[in-house]
Amino acid sequence: MNNPSALMWLRRRVGSWRSERRYMFKADGDPKNYTTNFVVSHGERGNEFVVDWKGATEGTMPLVLEGDILGRGRDYFGDDAHDSKIDMIDQDTMVLWTSYGGMNYREEIRLINHDEFALRQTIGFKDDGTFGLVGQYAEFRMP
């Protein structure tokens, strides 16, 4: 049984996007800025999606929504598959809880202005509870 709110939200994300990202990898470190272009497309079934991206890293990530779990065919830094627990805050905001590579992430993505923009933030902690990274993103739908 799929989560209808999450499925609708993922369908709203389909399209081409430019993401302006700012990361801090250390609590006292200098922020790093990156631009990533990505495309979200429908997969073969109604609960499947594919994300293709190019930026500091690049790749293709298949996604499968099953209930409150979003299966990811890989991560952003390697080929390890993993699952994200989904919480829908409201119809515009998805929170993903994910663990991989010795880190635990909370990622919040809010669609705004009729899905033309997205605000995104990520915080990651190492398995021992120490700070790992924080990221903030402004994402713009491309024509």
N, C-alpha and C. Protein backbone atom coordinates (compact mmCIF):
# COMPACT_ATOMS: atom_id res chain seq x y z
N MET A 1 0.85 -1.19 0.00
CA MET A 1 0.00 0.00 0.00
C MET A 1 0.89 1.24 0.00
N ASN A 2 0.70 2.08 -0.99
CA ASN A 2 1.51 3.30 -1.07
C ASN A 2 0.93 4.42 -0.22
N ASN A 3 1.78 5.31 0.15
CA ASN A 3 1.41 6.51 0.87
C ASN A 3 0.92 7.51 -0.18
N PRO A 4 -0.41 7.78 -0.26
CA PRO A 4 -0.91 8.64 -1.34
C PRO A 4 -0.33 10.06 -1.31
N SER A 5 -0.09 10.61 -0.12
CA SER A 5 0.49 11.97 -0.03
C SER A 5 1.91 11.99 -0.56
N ALA A 6 2.70 10.98 -0.20
CA ALA A 6 4.08 10.91 -0.68
C ALA A 6 4.12 10.66 -2.18
N LEU A 7 3.23 9.81 -2.68
CA LEU A 7 3.19 9.52 -4.11
C LEU A 7 2.84 10.78 -4.91
N MET A 8 1.85 11.54 -4.45
CA MET A 8 1.48 12.79 -5.12
C MET A 8 2.65 13.77 -5.09
N TRP A 9 3.33 13.86 -3.95
CA TRP A 9 4.47 14.77 -3.81
C TRP A 9 5.57 14.40 -4.80
N LEU A 10 5.89 13.11 -4.90
CA LEU A 10 6.93 12.68 -5.84
C LEU A 10 6.53 12.97 -7.28
N ARG A 11 5.27 12.81 -7.60
CA ARG A 11 4.80 13.14 -8.96
C ARG A 11 4.97 14.63 -9.24
N ARG A 12 4.77 15.44 -8.24
CA ARG A 12 4.95 16.90 -8.40
C ARG A 12 6.41 17.27 -8.64
N ARG A 13 7.34 16.43 -8.23
CA ARG A 13 8.78 16.68 -8.39
C ARG A 13 9.28 16.33 -9.78
N VAL A 14 8.49 15.60 -10.58
CA VAL A 14 8.93 15.19 -11.91
C VAL A 14 9.25 16.43 -12.73
N GLY A 15 10.43 16.41 -13.38
CA GLY A 15 10.86 17.51 -14.21
C GLY A 15 12.35 17.77 -14.04
N SER A 16 12.81 18.85 -14.68
CA SER A 16 14.22 19.25 -14.62
C SER A 16 14.40 20.35 -13.59
N TRP A 17 15.49 20.24 -12.81
CA TRP A 17 15.75 21.17 -11.72
C TRP A 17 17.22 21.59 -11.70
N ARG A 18 17.47 22.80 -11.22
CA ARG A 18 18.82 23.28 -10.90
C ARG A 18 18.85 23.52 -9.40
N SER A 19 19.84 22.95 -8.76
CA SER A 19 19.96 23.04 -7.31
C SER A 19 21.23 23.81 -6.94
N GLU A 20 21.06 24.91 -6.24
CA GLU A 20 22.19 25.69 -5.71
C GLU A 20 22.36 25.24 -4.26
N ARG A 21 23.51 24.61 -3.96
CA ARG A 21 23.71 23.95 -2.68
C ARG A 21 24.84 24.62 -1.90
N ARG A 22 24.66 24.64 -0.59
CA ARG A 22 25.69 25.16 0.31
C ARG A 22 25.84 24.15 1.44
N TYR A 23 27.07 23.66 1.63
CA TYR A 23 27.34 22.65 2.65
C TYR A 23 28.39 23.13 3.63
N MET A 24 28.23 22.71 4.87
CA MET A 24 29.30 22.79 5.87
C MET A 24 29.58 21.36 6.29
N PHE A 25 30.85 20.95 6.14
CA PHE A 25 31.23 19.59 6.47
C PHE A 25 31.85 19.48 7.86
N LYS A 26 32.16 20.62 8.47
CA LYS A 26 32.67 20.67 9.84
C LYS A 26 31.92 21.79 10.54
N ALA A 27 31.70 21.64 11.83
CA ALA A 27 30.97 22.66 12.57
C ALA A 27 31.66 24.02 12.49
N ASP A 28 32.97 24.04 12.38
CA ASP A 28 33.71 25.30 12.31
C ASP A 28 34.32 25.55 10.94
N GLY A 29 33.86 24.79 9.94
CA GLY A 29 34.46 24.88 8.61
C GLY A 29 33.82 25.93 7.73
N ASP A 30 34.51 26.25 6.64
CA ASP A 30 33.98 27.19 5.65
C ASP A 30 32.93 26.49 4.80
N PRO A 31 31.84 27.18 4.49
CA PRO A 31 30.83 26.58 3.61
C PRO A 31 31.37 26.36 2.20
N LYS A 32 30.88 25.33 1.56
CA LYS A 32 31.22 25.00 0.17
C LYS A 32 29.96 25.12 -0.66
N ASN A 33 30.07 25.77 -1.82
CA ASN A 33 28.92 25.96 -2.71
C ASN A 33 29.06 25.07 -3.95
N TYR A 34 27.94 24.47 -4.36
CA TYR A 34 27.90 23.60 -5.51
C TYR A 34 26.61 23.87 -6.29
N THR A 35 26.67 23.60 -7.59
CA THR A 35 25.47 23.60 -8.42
C THR A 35 25.28 22.19 -8.95
N THR A 36 24.07 21.69 -8.83
CA THR A 36 23.74 20.36 -9.34
C THR A 36 22.49 20.49 -10.21
N ASN A 37 22.54 19.90 -11.38
CA ASN A 37 21.37 19.81 -12.24
C ASN A 37 20.84 18.39 -12.14
N PHE A 38 19.52 18.26 -12.00
CA PHE A 38 18.95 16.93 -11.91
C PHE A 38 17.58 16.87 -12.58
N VAL A 39 17.22 15.65 -12.98
CA VAL A 39 15.94 15.39 -13.62
C VAL A 39 15.27 14.25 -12.85
N VAL A 40 14.01 14.48 -12.48
CA VAL A 40 13.19 13.44 -11.86
C VAL A 40 12.21 12.98 -12.93
N SER A 41 12.17 11.67 -13.18
CA SER A 41 11.25 11.13 -14.19
C SER A 41 10.49 9.95 -13.61
N HIS A 42 9.40 9.60 -14.28
CA HIS A 42 8.61 8.45 -13.88
C HIS A 42 9.37 7.18 -14.23
N GLY A 43 9.21 6.15 -13.40
CA GLY A 43 9.77 4.85 -13.68
C GLY A 43 8.78 4.01 -14.45
N GLU A 44 9.00 2.70 -14.47
CA GLU A 44 8.13 1.80 -15.23
C GLU A 44 6.76 1.62 -14.58
N ARG A 45 6.70 1.66 -13.25
CA ARG A 45 5.43 1.51 -12.54
C ARG A 45 5.07 2.83 -11.87
N GLY A 46 3.83 2.94 -11.44
CA GLY A 46 3.34 4.18 -10.85
C GLY A 46 4.02 4.61 -9.57
N ASN A 47 4.67 3.67 -8.86
CA ASN A 47 5.35 4.01 -7.62
C ASN A 47 6.86 4.08 -7.80
N GLU A 48 7.33 4.10 -9.05
CA GLU A 48 8.76 4.15 -9.35
C GLU A 48 9.12 5.47 -10.01
N PHE A 49 10.29 5.97 -9.63
CA PHE A 49 10.83 7.21 -10.19
C PHE A 49 12.32 7.03 -10.41
N VAL A 50 12.91 7.91 -11.21
CA VAL A 50 14.34 7.87 -11.47
C VAL A 50 14.87 9.29 -11.35
N VAL A 51 15.99 9.45 -10.64
CA VAL A 51 16.67 10.73 -10.54
C VAL A 51 18.03 10.61 -11.21
N ASP A 52 18.26 11.47 -12.20
CA ASP A 52 19.57 11.59 -12.86
C ASP A 52 20.15 12.94 -12.46
N TRP A 53 21.40 12.97 -12.01
CA TRP A 53 21.99 14.24 -11.60
C TRP A 53 23.42 14.37 -12.08
N LYS A 54 23.86 15.63 -12.16
CA LYS A 54 25.24 15.94 -12.52
C LYS A 54 25.63 17.20 -11.78
N GLY A 55 26.73 17.10 -11.05
CA GLY A 55 27.25 18.21 -10.27
C GLY A 55 28.60 17.80 -9.71
N ALA A 56 28.82 17.98 -8.39
CA ALA A 56 30.06 17.53 -7.76
C ALA A 56 30.19 16.01 -7.88
N THR A 57 29.05 15.33 -7.89
CA THR A 57 29.00 13.90 -8.22
C THR A 57 27.96 13.76 -9.33
N GLU A 58 27.86 12.60 -9.90
CA GLU A 58 26.82 12.38 -10.90
C GLU A 58 26.38 10.93 -10.85
N GLY A 59 25.17 10.71 -11.33
CA GLY A 59 24.68 9.35 -11.34
C GLY A 59 23.20 9.26 -11.63
N THR A 60 22.70 8.05 -11.52
CA THR A 60 21.29 7.74 -11.70
C THR A 60 20.83 6.95 -10.49
N MET A 61 19.73 7.38 -9.88
CA MET A 61 19.21 6.73 -8.69
C MET A 61 17.77 6.31 -8.93
N PRO A 62 17.50 5.00 -9.03
CA PRO A 62 16.12 4.54 -9.09
C PRO A 62 15.47 4.64 -7.71
N LEU A 63 14.21 5.03 -7.69
CA LEU A 63 13.44 5.17 -6.45
C LEU A 63 12.18 4.33 -6.54
N VAL A 64 11.81 3.69 -5.42
CA VAL A 64 10.57 2.92 -5.35
C VAL A 64 9.89 3.28 -4.04
N LEU A 65 8.66 3.78 -4.14
CA LEU A 65 7.88 4.13 -2.95
C LEU A 65 7.02 2.93 -2.56
N GLU A 66 7.18 2.48 -1.32
CA GLU A 66 6.36 1.40 -0.77
C GLU A 66 5.93 1.82 0.63
N GLY A 67 4.70 2.28 0.74
CA GLY A 67 4.19 2.78 2.02
C GLY A 67 4.94 4.04 2.44
N ASP A 68 5.52 4.01 3.63
CA ASP A 68 6.29 5.14 4.14
C ASP A 68 7.79 4.97 3.94
N ILE A 69 8.17 4.08 3.03
CA ILE A 69 9.58 3.82 2.75
C ILE A 69 9.86 4.16 1.28
N LEU A 70 10.92 4.94 1.07
CA LEU A 70 11.39 5.24 -0.27
C LEU A 70 12.69 4.46 -0.47
N GLY A 71 12.63 3.42 -1.29
CA GLY A 71 13.82 2.64 -1.60
C GLY A 71 14.66 3.39 -2.62
N ARG A 72 15.94 3.53 -2.32
CA ARG A 72 16.88 4.20 -3.21
C ARG A 72 17.85 3.15 -3.74
N GLY A 73 18.00 3.07 -5.05
CA GLY A 73 18.84 2.08 -5.67
C GLY A 73 20.32 2.30 -5.46
N ARG A 74 20.69 3.46 -4.95
CA ARG A 74 22.09 3.81 -4.67
C ARG A 74 22.09 5.06 -3.80
N ASP A 75 23.27 5.48 -3.36
CA ASP A 75 23.36 6.76 -2.65
C ASP A 75 24.08 7.77 -3.54
N TYR A 76 24.25 8.98 -3.03
CA TYR A 76 24.85 10.04 -3.85
C TYR A 76 26.35 9.88 -4.03
N PHE A 77 26.98 9.05 -3.19
CA PHE A 77 28.43 8.93 -3.23
C PHE A 77 28.90 7.55 -3.66
N GLY A 78 27.98 6.60 -3.82
CA GLY A 78 28.38 5.25 -4.18
C GLY A 78 27.20 4.44 -4.67
N ASP A 79 27.42 3.13 -4.77
CA ASP A 79 26.42 2.25 -5.36
C ASP A 79 25.60 1.46 -4.35
N ASP A 80 25.68 1.82 -3.07
CA ASP A 80 24.95 1.07 -2.04
C ASP A 80 23.48 1.48 -2.00
N ALA A 81 22.61 0.50 -2.15
CA ALA A 81 21.17 0.73 -2.04
C ALA A 81 20.79 0.90 -0.57
N HIS A 82 19.76 1.70 -0.31
CA HIS A 82 19.28 1.89 1.06
C HIS A 82 17.85 2.43 1.01
N ASP A 83 17.23 2.47 2.17
CA ASP A 83 15.86 2.96 2.29
C ASP A 83 15.83 4.24 3.11
N SER A 84 14.84 5.08 2.79
CA SER A 84 14.58 6.29 3.55
C SER A 84 13.17 6.19 4.13
N LYS A 85 13.04 6.47 5.41
CA LYS A 85 11.73 6.57 6.06
C LYS A 85 11.17 7.94 5.72
N ILE A 86 9.88 7.98 5.33
CA ILE A 86 9.25 9.24 4.92
C ILE A 86 8.27 9.70 5.98
N ASP A 87 8.31 10.99 6.28
CA ASP A 87 7.27 11.69 7.04
C ASP A 87 6.77 12.83 6.17
N MET A 88 5.46 12.90 5.96
CA MET A 88 4.87 14.03 5.25
C MET A 88 4.42 15.05 6.30
N ILE A 89 5.03 16.24 6.29
CA ILE A 89 4.67 17.29 7.24
C ILE A 89 3.34 17.92 6.84
N ASP A 90 3.20 18.19 5.55
CA ASP A 90 1.97 18.69 4.95
C ASP A 90 2.03 18.31 3.47
N GLN A 91 1.10 18.76 2.67
CA GLN A 91 1.07 18.35 1.25
C GLN A 91 2.28 18.83 0.46
N ASP A 92 3.00 19.84 0.98
CA ASP A 92 4.14 20.41 0.27
C ASP A 92 5.49 19.97 0.81
N THR A 93 5.54 19.30 1.97
CA THR A 93 6.81 19.06 2.64
C THR A 93 7.02 17.60 3.00
N MET A 94 8.11 17.05 2.47
CA MET A 94 8.51 15.68 2.77
C MET A 94 9.78 15.70 3.60
N VAL A 95 9.84 14.85 4.63
CA VAL A 95 11.05 14.65 5.42
C VAL A 95 11.50 13.21 5.19
N LEU A 96 12.78 13.06 4.90
CA LEU A 96 13.38 11.74 4.67
C LEU A 96 14.41 11.47 5.77
N TRP A 97 14.33 10.30 6.37
CA TRP A 97 15.28 9.85 7.38
C TRP A 97 16.07 8.70 6.76
N THR A 98 17.39 8.88 6.62
CA THR A 98 18.21 7.92 5.89
C THR A 98 19.53 7.69 6.63
N SER A 99 20.02 6.47 6.58
CA SER A 99 21.34 6.15 7.16
C SER A 99 22.15 5.39 6.13
N TYR A 100 23.39 5.86 5.89
CA TYR A 100 24.35 5.13 5.06
C TYR A 100 25.72 5.74 5.25
N GLY A 101 26.73 4.96 4.96
CA GLY A 101 28.11 5.44 5.04
C GLY A 101 28.52 5.94 6.42
N GLY A 102 27.96 5.38 7.48
CA GLY A 102 28.31 5.81 8.83
C GLY A 102 27.68 7.12 9.25
N MET A 103 26.66 7.56 8.48
CA MET A 103 25.98 8.83 8.79
C MET A 103 24.47 8.60 8.85
N ASN A 104 23.80 9.43 9.65
CA ASN A 104 22.34 9.44 9.75
C ASN A 104 21.87 10.82 9.31
N TYR A 105 20.98 10.86 8.32
CA TYR A 105 20.56 12.11 7.70
C TYR A 105 19.08 12.39 7.95
N ARG A 106 18.78 13.67 8.13
CA ARG A 106 17.40 14.17 8.10
C ARG A 106 17.36 15.19 6.98
N GLU A 107 16.52 14.94 5.98
CA GLU A 107 16.44 15.82 4.81
C GLU A 107 14.99 16.29 4.68
N GLU A 108 14.80 17.58 4.64
CA GLU A 108 13.46 18.16 4.51
C GLU A 108 13.40 18.94 3.19
N ILE A 109 12.36 18.65 2.40
CA ILE A 109 12.20 19.31 1.10
C ILE A 109 10.78 19.88 1.03
N ARG A 110 10.69 21.19 0.79
CA ARG A 110 9.40 21.88 0.70
C ARG A 110 9.23 22.45 -0.70
N LEU A 111 8.15 22.05 -1.38
CA LEU A 111 7.78 22.63 -2.68
C LEU A 111 7.01 23.91 -2.43
N ILE A 112 7.33 24.96 -3.18
CA ILE A 112 6.66 26.25 -3.01
C ILE A 112 6.33 26.86 -4.36
N ASN A 113 5.44 27.85 -4.31
CA ASN A 113 5.05 28.63 -5.48
C ASN A 113 4.61 27.75 -6.65
N HIS A 114 3.59 26.90 -6.39
CA HIS A 114 3.05 26.02 -7.43
C HIS A 114 4.11 25.09 -8.00
N ASP A 115 5.01 24.61 -7.14
CA ASP A 115 6.04 23.63 -7.48
C ASP A 115 7.13 24.18 -8.40
N GLU A 116 7.27 25.48 -8.46
CA GLU A 116 8.32 26.08 -9.29
C GLU A 116 9.66 26.15 -8.55
N PHE A 117 9.62 26.09 -7.23
CA PHE A 117 10.81 26.16 -6.39
C PHE A 117 10.74 25.11 -5.31
N ALA A 118 11.89 24.76 -4.78
CA ALA A 118 11.95 23.89 -3.61
C ALA A 118 13.02 24.42 -2.67
N LEU A 119 12.73 24.40 -1.40
CA LEU A 119 13.72 24.69 -0.36
C LEU A 119 14.04 23.37 0.29
N ARG A 120 15.31 23.13 0.50
CA ARG A 120 15.75 21.82 0.98
C ARG A 120 16.84 22.02 2.01
N GLN A 121 16.80 21.23 3.05
CA GLN A 121 17.87 21.27 4.04
C GLN A 121 18.16 19.86 4.53
N THR A 122 19.43 19.63 4.77
CA THR A 122 19.89 18.32 5.21
C THR A 122 20.81 18.50 6.40
N ILE A 123 20.68 17.64 7.37
CA ILE A 123 21.64 17.60 8.47
C ILE A 123 22.04 16.15 8.66
N GLY A 124 23.33 15.93 8.86
CA GLY A 124 23.83 14.57 9.04
C GLY A 124 24.70 14.48 10.27
N PHE A 125 24.52 13.40 11.00
CA PHE A 125 25.33 13.11 12.17
C PHE A 125 26.00 11.76 11.97
N LYS A 126 27.23 11.66 12.44
CA LYS A 126 27.93 10.38 12.40
C LYS A 126 27.27 9.42 13.36
N ASP A 127 27.53 8.14 13.17
CA ASP A 127 26.92 7.12 14.03
C ASP A 127 27.21 7.35 15.51
N ASP A 128 28.34 8.01 15.82
CA ASP A 128 28.66 8.28 17.23
C ASP A 128 27.99 9.55 17.75
N GLY A 129 27.15 10.20 16.91
CA GLY A 129 26.41 11.38 17.33
C GLY A 129 27.11 12.70 17.07
N THR A 130 28.33 12.68 16.55
CA THR A 130 29.03 13.93 16.27
C THR A 130 28.56 14.52 14.94
N PHE A 131 28.72 15.81 14.80
CA PHE A 131 28.31 16.55 13.61
C PHE A 131 28.98 15.99 12.37
N GLY A 132 28.21 15.86 11.30
CA GLY A 132 28.75 15.38 10.03
C GLY A 132 28.68 16.44 8.95
N LEU A 133 27.48 16.96 8.71
CA LEU A 133 27.32 18.01 7.70
C LEU A 133 25.96 18.67 7.85
N VAL A 134 25.87 19.87 7.29
CA VAL A 134 24.59 20.54 7.12
C VAL A 134 24.58 21.10 5.70
N GLY A 135 23.44 20.97 5.04
CA GLY A 135 23.32 21.48 3.68
C GLY A 135 22.03 22.26 3.52
N GLN A 136 22.10 23.34 2.77
CA GLN A 136 20.92 24.12 2.43
C GLN A 136 20.89 24.28 0.93
N TYR A 137 19.69 24.20 0.35
CA TYR A 137 19.54 24.18 -1.10
C TYR A 137 18.40 25.10 -1.51
N ALA A 138 18.59 25.79 -2.62
CA ALA A 138 17.51 26.47 -3.31
C ALA A 138 17.42 25.79 -4.67
N GLU A 139 16.24 25.23 -4.98
CA GLU A 139 16.08 24.46 -6.21
C GLU A 139 15.05 25.13 -7.11
N PHE A 140 15.39 25.24 -8.38
CA PHE A 140 14.58 25.97 -9.35
C PHE A 140 14.20 25.03 -10.49
N ARG A 141 12.89 24.97 -10.78
CA ARG A 141 12.41 24.14 -11.89
C ARG A 141 12.89 24.79 -13.19
N MET A 142 13.42 23.97 -14.07
CA MET A 142 13.92 24.44 -15.36
C MET A 142 12.86 24.21 -16.43
N PRO A 143 12.82 25.09 -17.45
CA PRO A 143 11.82 24.92 -18.52
C PRO A 143 12.12 23.69 -19.37
